[in-house]
Amino acid sequence: MADIVNLRMARKRAERARREQEAVESRARHGRTRDEKIRDRLAAEKAEREAEGHRLEKPSPDTE
C-alpha cells in the first residue's frame, strides 16, 4: 500500500526546494566580489582587443 501524504506539507516542501534553488542561482549570479567583477571586465576587454586586432579591415564609422 502507498504511504499517506499530507498535501499541505508536500506543497510547502516543494516551495522551499524551489526557493532554495532560486537562491542558489541568485548567489551564483550576484554574489561576486569586486575583484572578480574587475577581473572578468578586464578579461572581456582583452578578448575584444585581441579580436579587433585580428580583423582584416577596420569597420567604417558609419556602420556602427
PDB file of N, CA and C in Angstrom:
ATOM      1  N   MET A   1       0.820  -1.192   0.000  1.00  0.00           N
ATOM      2  CA  MET A   1       0.000   0.000   0.000  1.00  0.00           C
ATOM      3  C   MET A   1       0.868   1.261   0.000  1.00  0.00           C
ATOM      4  N   ALA A   2       0.328   2.312  -0.527  1.00  0.00           N
ATOM      5  CA  ALA A   2       1.058   3.574  -0.607  1.00  0.00           C
ATOM      6  C   ALA A   2       1.007   4.297   0.732  1.00  0.00           C
ATOM      7  N   ASP A   3       1.998   5.120   0.961  1.00  0.00           N
ATOM      8  CA  ASP A   3       2.026   5.923   2.182  1.00  0.00           C
ATOM      9  C   ASP A   3       1.043   7.082   2.056  1.00  0.00           C
ATOM     10  N   ILE A   4       0.494   7.484   3.178  1.00  0.00           N
ATOM     11  CA  ILE A   4      -0.405   8.632   3.207  1.00  0.00           C
ATOM     12  C   ILE A   4       0.448   9.893   3.175  1.00  0.00           C
ATOM     13  N   VAL A   5       0.079  10.826   2.293  1.00  0.00           N
ATOM     14  CA  VAL A   5       0.855  12.054   2.120  1.00  0.00           C
ATOM     15  C   VAL A   5      -0.026  13.236   2.468  1.00  0.00           C
ATOM     16  N   ASN A   6       0.497  14.110   3.341  1.00  0.00           N
ATOM     17  CA  ASN A   6      -0.192  15.345   3.665  1.00  0.00           C
ATOM     18  C   ASN A   6       0.138  16.341   2.556  1.00  0.00           C
ATOM     19  N   LEU A   7      -0.861  16.685   1.751  1.00  0.00           N
ATOM     20  CA  LEU A   7      -0.622  17.535   0.585  1.00  0.00           C
ATOM     21  C   LEU A   7      -0.133  18.924   0.966  1.00  0.00           C
ATOM     22  N   ARG A   8      -0.612  19.450   2.070  1.00  0.00           N
ATOM     23  CA  ARG A   8      -0.168  20.771   2.520  1.00  0.00           C
ATOM     24  C   ARG A   8       1.338  20.744   2.794  1.00  0.00           C
ATOM     25  N   MET A   9       1.788  19.718   3.485  1.00  0.00           N
ATOM     26  CA  MET A   9       3.212  19.618   3.801  1.00  0.00           C
ATOM     27  C   MET A   9       4.039  19.362   2.540  1.00  0.00           C
ATOM     28  N   ALA A  10       3.501  18.585   1.618  1.00  0.00           N
ATOM     29  CA  ALA A  10       4.218  18.310   0.374  1.00  0.00           C
ATOM     30  C   ALA A  10       4.364  19.586  -0.447  1.00  0.00           C
ATOM     31  N   ARG A  11       3.315  20.413  -0.498  1.00  0.00           N
ATOM     32  CA  ARG A  11       3.395  21.682  -1.228  1.00  0.00           C
ATOM     33  C   ARG A  11       4.408  22.614  -0.583  1.00  0.00           C
ATOM     34  N   LYS A  12       4.405  22.682   0.742  1.00  0.00           N
ATOM     35  CA  LYS A  12       5.366  23.530   1.434  1.00  0.00           C
ATOM     36  C   LYS A  12       6.789  23.050   1.185  1.00  0.00           C
ATOM     37  N   ARG A  13       7.006  21.766   1.198  1.00  0.00           N
ATOM     38  CA  ARG A  13       8.335  21.201   0.953  1.00  0.00           C
ATOM     39  C   ARG A  13       8.794  21.535  -0.465  1.00  0.00           C
ATOM     40  N   ALA A  14       7.897  21.411  -1.430  1.00  0.00           N
ATOM     41  CA  ALA A  14       8.241  21.730  -2.817  1.00  0.00           C
ATOM     42  C   ALA A  14       8.546  23.218  -2.969  1.00  0.00           C
ATOM     43  N   GLU A  15       7.779  24.070  -2.307  1.00  0.00           N
ATOM     44  CA  GLU A  15       8.003  25.515  -2.369  1.00  0.00           C
ATOM     45  C   GLU A  15       9.356  25.869  -1.759  1.00  0.00           C
ATOM     46  N   ARG A  16       9.699  25.264  -0.628  1.00  0.00           N
ATOM     47  CA  ARG A  16      11.001  25.512  -0.001  1.00  0.00           C
ATOM     48  C   ARG A  16      12.137  25.102  -0.935  1.00  0.00           C
ATOM     49  N   ALA A  17      12.000  23.963  -1.593  1.00  0.00           N
ATOM     50  CA  ALA A  17      13.030  23.489  -2.511  1.00  0.00           C
ATOM     51  C   ALA A  17      13.166  24.446  -3.698  1.00  0.00           C
ATOM     52  N   ARG A  18      12.048  24.945  -4.209  1.00  0.00           N
ATOM     53  CA  ARG A  18      12.085  25.884  -5.326  1.00  0.00           C
ATOM     54  C   ARG A  18      12.764  27.185  -4.917  1.00  0.00           C
ATOM     55  N   ARG A  19      12.421  27.722  -3.744  1.00  0.00           N
ATOM     56  CA  ARG A  19      13.038  28.958  -3.260  1.00  0.00           C
ATOM     57  C   ARG A  19      14.533  28.777  -3.028  1.00  0.00           C
ATOM     58  N   GLU A  20      14.934  27.626  -2.497  1.00  0.00           N
ATOM     59  CA  GLU A  20      16.358  27.370  -2.265  1.00  0.00           C
ATOM     60  C   GLU A  20      17.110  27.323  -3.596  1.00  0.00           C
ATOM     61  N   GLN A  21      16.523  26.713  -4.623  1.00  0.00           N
ATOM     62  CA  GLN A  21      17.167  26.662  -5.938  1.00  0.00           C
ATOM     63  C   GLN A  21      17.313  28.064  -6.518  1.00  0.00           C
ATOM     64  N   GLU A  22      16.296  28.899  -6.359  1.00  0.00           N
ATOM     65  CA  GLU A  22      16.387  30.276  -6.830  1.00  0.00           C
ATOM     66  C   GLU A  22      17.480  31.029  -6.096  1.00  0.00           C
ATOM     67  N   ALA A  23      17.612  30.783  -4.794  1.00  0.00           N
ATOM     68  CA  ALA A  23      18.649  31.440  -4.001  1.00  0.00           C
ATOM     69  C   ALA A  23      20.039  31.018  -4.470  1.00  0.00           C
ATOM     70  N   VAL A  24      20.203  29.740  -4.780  1.00  0.00           N
ATOM     71  CA  VAL A  24      21.490  29.257  -5.277  1.00  0.00           C
ATOM     72  C   VAL A  24      21.844  29.953  -6.587  1.00  0.00           C
ATOM     73  N   GLU A  25      20.875  30.052  -7.490  1.00  0.00           N
ATOM     74  CA  GLU A  25      21.106  30.708  -8.781  1.00  0.00           C
ATOM     75  C   GLU A  25      21.411  32.189  -8.586  1.00  0.00           C
ATOM     76  N   SER A  26      20.699  32.835  -7.681  1.00  0.00           N
ATOM     77  CA  SER A  26      20.922  34.255  -7.423  1.00  0.00           C
ATOM     78  C   SER A  26      22.305  34.490  -6.831  1.00  0.00           C
ATOM     79  N   ARG A  27      22.721  33.638  -5.906  1.00  0.00           N
ATOM     80  CA  ARG A  27      24.063  33.779  -5.322  1.00  0.00           C
ATOM     81  C   ARG A  27      25.130  33.616  -6.387  1.00  0.00           C
ATOM     82  N   ALA A  28      24.929  32.692  -7.298  1.00  0.00           N
ATOM     83  CA  ALA A  28      25.907  32.479  -8.369  1.00  0.00           C
ATOM     84  C   ALA A  28      25.950  33.680  -9.303  1.00  0.00           C
ATOM     85  N   ARG A  29      24.805  34.294  -9.539  1.00  0.00           N
ATOM     86  CA  ARG A  29      24.726  35.404 -10.483  1.00  0.00           C
ATOM     87  C   ARG A  29      25.208  36.717  -9.858  1.00  0.00           C
ATOM     88  N   HIS A  30      24.862  36.969  -8.603  1.00  0.00           N
ATOM     89  CA  HIS A  30      25.132  38.274  -7.998  1.00  0.00           C
ATOM     90  C   HIS A  30      26.180  38.248  -6.901  1.00  0.00           C
ATOM     91  N   GLY A  31      26.568  37.105  -6.449  1.00  0.00           N
ATOM     92  CA  GLY A  31      27.446  37.019  -5.290  1.00  0.00           C
ATOM     93  C   GLY A  31      28.918  37.041  -5.634  1.00  0.00           C
ATOM     94  N   ARG A  32      29.324  37.953  -6.503  1.00  0.00           N
ATOM     95  CA  ARG A  32      30.728  38.034  -6.874  1.00  0.00           C
ATOM     96  C   ARG A  32      31.390  39.197  -6.159  1.00  0.00           C
ATOM     97  N   THR A  33      32.666  39.035  -5.857  1.00  0.00           N
ATOM     98  CA  THR A  33      33.400  40.106  -5.197  1.00  0.00           C
ATOM     99  C   THR A  33      33.771  41.170  -6.209  1.00  0.00           C
ATOM    100  N   ARG A  34      34.214  42.297  -5.702  1.00  0.00           N
ATOM    101  CA  ARG A  34      34.621  43.405  -6.558  1.00  0.00           C
ATOM    102  C   ARG A  34      35.784  42.978  -7.451  1.00  0.00           C
ATOM    103  N   ASP A  35      36.745  42.254  -6.872  1.00  0.00           N
ATOM    104  CA  ASP A  35      37.897  41.803  -7.641  1.00  0.00           C
ATOM    105  C   ASP A  35      37.493  40.855  -8.765  1.00  0.00           C
ATOM    106  N   GLU A  36      36.531  39.985  -8.511  1.00  0.00           N
ATOM    107  CA  GLU A  36      36.061  39.065  -9.553  1.00  0.00           C
ATOM    108  C   GLU A  36      35.407  39.842 -10.695  1.00  0.00           C
ATOM    109  N   LYS A  37      34.631  40.862 -10.351  1.00  0.00           N
ATOM    110  CA  LYS A  37      33.985  41.672 -11.382  1.00  0.00           C
ATOM    111  C   LYS A  37      35.022  42.410 -12.224  1.00  0.00           C
ATOM    112  N   ILE A  38      36.043  42.968 -11.568  1.00  0.00           N
ATOM    113  CA  ILE A  38      37.093  43.685 -12.287  1.00  0.00           C
ATOM    114  C   ILE A  38      37.859  42.725 -13.185  1.00  0.00           C
ATOM    115  N   ARG A  39      38.208  41.543 -12.653  1.00  0.00           N
ATOM    116  CA  ARG A  39      38.947  40.545 -13.426  1.00  0.00           C
ATOM    117  C   ARG A  39      38.161  40.143 -14.678  1.00  0.00           C
ATOM    118  N   ASP A  40      36.868  39.897 -14.520  1.00  0.00           N
ATOM    119  CA  ASP A  40      36.038  39.500 -15.656  1.00  0.00           C
ATOM    120  C   ASP A  40      35.920  40.619 -16.686  1.00  0.00           C
ATOM    121  N   ARG A  41      35.792  41.871 -16.210  1.00  0.00           N
ATOM    122  CA  ARG A  41      35.693  43.004 -17.127  1.00  0.00           C
ATOM    123  C   ARG A  41      36.994  43.162 -17.914  1.00  0.00           C
ATOM    124  N   LEU A  42      38.140  43.044 -17.224  1.00  0.00           N
ATOM    125  CA  LEU A  42      39.428  43.173 -17.904  1.00  0.00           C
ATOM    126  C   LEU A  42      39.646  42.046 -18.911  1.00  0.00           C
ATOM    127  N   ALA A  43      39.226  40.840 -18.558  1.00  0.00           N
ATOM    128  CA  ALA A  43      39.364  39.711 -19.481  1.00  0.00           C
ATOM    129  C   ALA A  43      38.505  39.921 -20.722  1.00  0.00           C
ATOM    130  N   ALA A  44      37.302  40.449 -20.549  1.00  0.00           N
ATOM    131  CA  ALA A  44      36.424  40.717 -21.690  1.00  0.00           C
ATOM    132  C   ALA A  44      37.015  41.807 -22.584  1.00  0.00           C
ATOM    133  N   GLU A  45      37.574  42.851 -21.965  1.00  0.00           N
ATOM    134  CA  GLU A  45      38.189  43.918 -22.748  1.00  0.00           C
ATOM    135  C   GLU A  45      39.402  43.397 -23.522  1.00  0.00           C
ATOM    136  N   LYS A  46      40.208  42.555 -22.894  1.00  0.00           N
ATOM    137  CA  LYS A  46      41.375  41.990 -23.568  1.00  0.00           C
ATOM    138  C   LYS A  46      40.945  41.125 -24.754  1.00  0.00           C
ATOM    139  N   ALA A  47      39.913  40.309 -24.553  1.00  0.00           N
ATOM    140  CA  ALA A  47      39.422  39.461 -25.637  1.00  0.00           C
ATOM    141  C   ALA A  47      38.912  40.314 -26.789  1.00  0.00           C
ATOM    142  N   GLU A  48      38.245  41.412 -26.481  1.00  0.00           N
ATOM    143  CA  GLU A  48      37.747  42.312 -27.521  1.00  0.00           C
ATOM    144  C   GLU A  48      38.907  42.950 -28.286  1.00  0.00           C
ATOM    145  N   ARG A  49      39.951  43.388 -27.578  1.00  0.00           N
ATOM    146  CA  ARG A  49      41.119  43.974 -28.240  1.00  0.00           C
ATOM    147  C   ARG A  49      41.793  42.954 -29.151  1.00  0.00           C
ATOM    148  N   GLU A  50      41.931  41.735 -28.683  1.00  0.00           N
ATOM    149  CA  GLU A  50      42.574  40.697 -29.484  1.00  0.00           C
ATOM    150  C   GLU A  50      41.744  40.379 -30.726  1.00  0.00           C
ATOM    151  N   ALA A  51      40.440  40.292 -30.568  1.00  0.00           N
ATOM    152  CA  ALA A  51      39.570  40.022 -31.711  1.00  0.00           C
ATOM    153  C   ALA A  51      39.638  41.175 -32.705  1.00  0.00           C
ATOM    154  N   GLU A  52      39.662  42.393 -32.196  1.00  0.00           N
ATOM    155  CA  GLU A  52      39.740  43.574 -33.064  1.00  0.00           C
ATOM    156  C   GLU A  52      41.076  43.596 -33.806  1.00  0.00           C
ATOM    157  N   GLY A  53      42.137  43.146 -33.160  1.00  0.00           N
ATOM    158  CA  GLY A  53      43.455  43.132 -33.778  1.00  0.00           C
ATOM    159  C   GLY A  53      43.558  42.121 -34.909  1.00  0.00           C
ATOM    160  N   HIS A  54      42.687  41.129 -34.932  1.00  0.00           N
ATOM    161  CA  HIS A  54      42.729  40.117 -35.978  1.00  0.00           C
ATOM    162  C   HIS A  54      41.836  40.437 -37.164  1.00  0.00           C
ATOM    163  N   ARG A  55      41.144  41.560 -37.103  1.00  0.00           N
ATOM    164  CA  ARG A  55      40.288  41.946 -38.222  1.00  0.00           C
ATOM    165  C   ARG A  55      41.146  42.306 -39.426  1.00  0.00           C
ATOM    166  N   LEU A  56      40.667  41.954 -40.596  1.00  0.00           N
ATOM    167  CA  LEU A  56      41.381  42.283 -41.815  1.00  0.00           C
ATOM    168  C   LEU A  56      41.162  43.747 -42.199  1.00  0.00           C
ATOM    169  N   GLU A  57      39.967  44.238 -42.013  1.00  0.00           N
ATOM    170  CA  GLU A  57      39.645  45.628 -42.304  1.00  0.00           C
ATOM    171  C   GLU A  57      38.973  46.245 -41.091  1.00  0.00           C
ATOM    172  N   LYS A  58      39.270  47.493 -40.865  1.00  0.00           N
ATOM    173  CA  LYS A  58      38.616  48.208 -39.772  1.00  0.00           C
ATOM    174  C   LYS A  58      37.207  48.580 -40.210  1.00  0.00           C
ATOM    175  N   PRO A  59      36.218  48.472 -39.304  1.00  0.00           N
ATOM    176  CA  PRO A  59      34.855  48.858 -39.685  1.00  0.00           C
ATOM    177  C   PRO A  59      34.785  50.363 -39.922  1.00  0.00           C
ATOM    178  N   SER A  60      33.985  50.758 -40.889  1.00  0.00           N
ATOM    179  CA  SER A  60      33.819  52.186 -41.158  1.00  0.00           C
ATOM    180  C   SER A  60      32.950  52.812 -40.072  1.00  0.00           C
ATOM    181  N   PRO A  61      33.182  54.074 -39.753  1.00  0.00           N
ATOM    182  CA  PRO A  61      32.443  54.717 -38.663  1.00  0.00           C
ATOM    183  C   PRO A  61      30.945  54.816 -38.914  1.00  0.00           C
ATOM    184  N   ASP A  62      30.496  54.841 -40.166  1.00  0.00           N
ATOM    185  CA  ASP A  62      29.071  54.993 -40.452  1.00  0.00           C
ATOM    186  C   ASP A  62      28.296  53.689 -40.270  1.00  0.00           C
ATOM    187  N   THR A  63      28.966  52.543 -40.112  1.00  0.00           N
ATOM    188  CA  THR A  63      28.253  51.275 -39.924  1.00  0.00           C
ATOM    189  C   THR A  63      27.967  50.989 -38.466  1.00  0.00           C
ATOM    190  N   GLU A  64      28.532  51.734 -37.567  1.00  0.00           N
ATOM    191  CA  GLU A  64      28.317  51.469 -36.137  1.00  0.00           C
ATOM    192  C   GLU A  64      27.119  52.143 -35.597  1.00  0.00           C
TER     193      GLU A  64
END
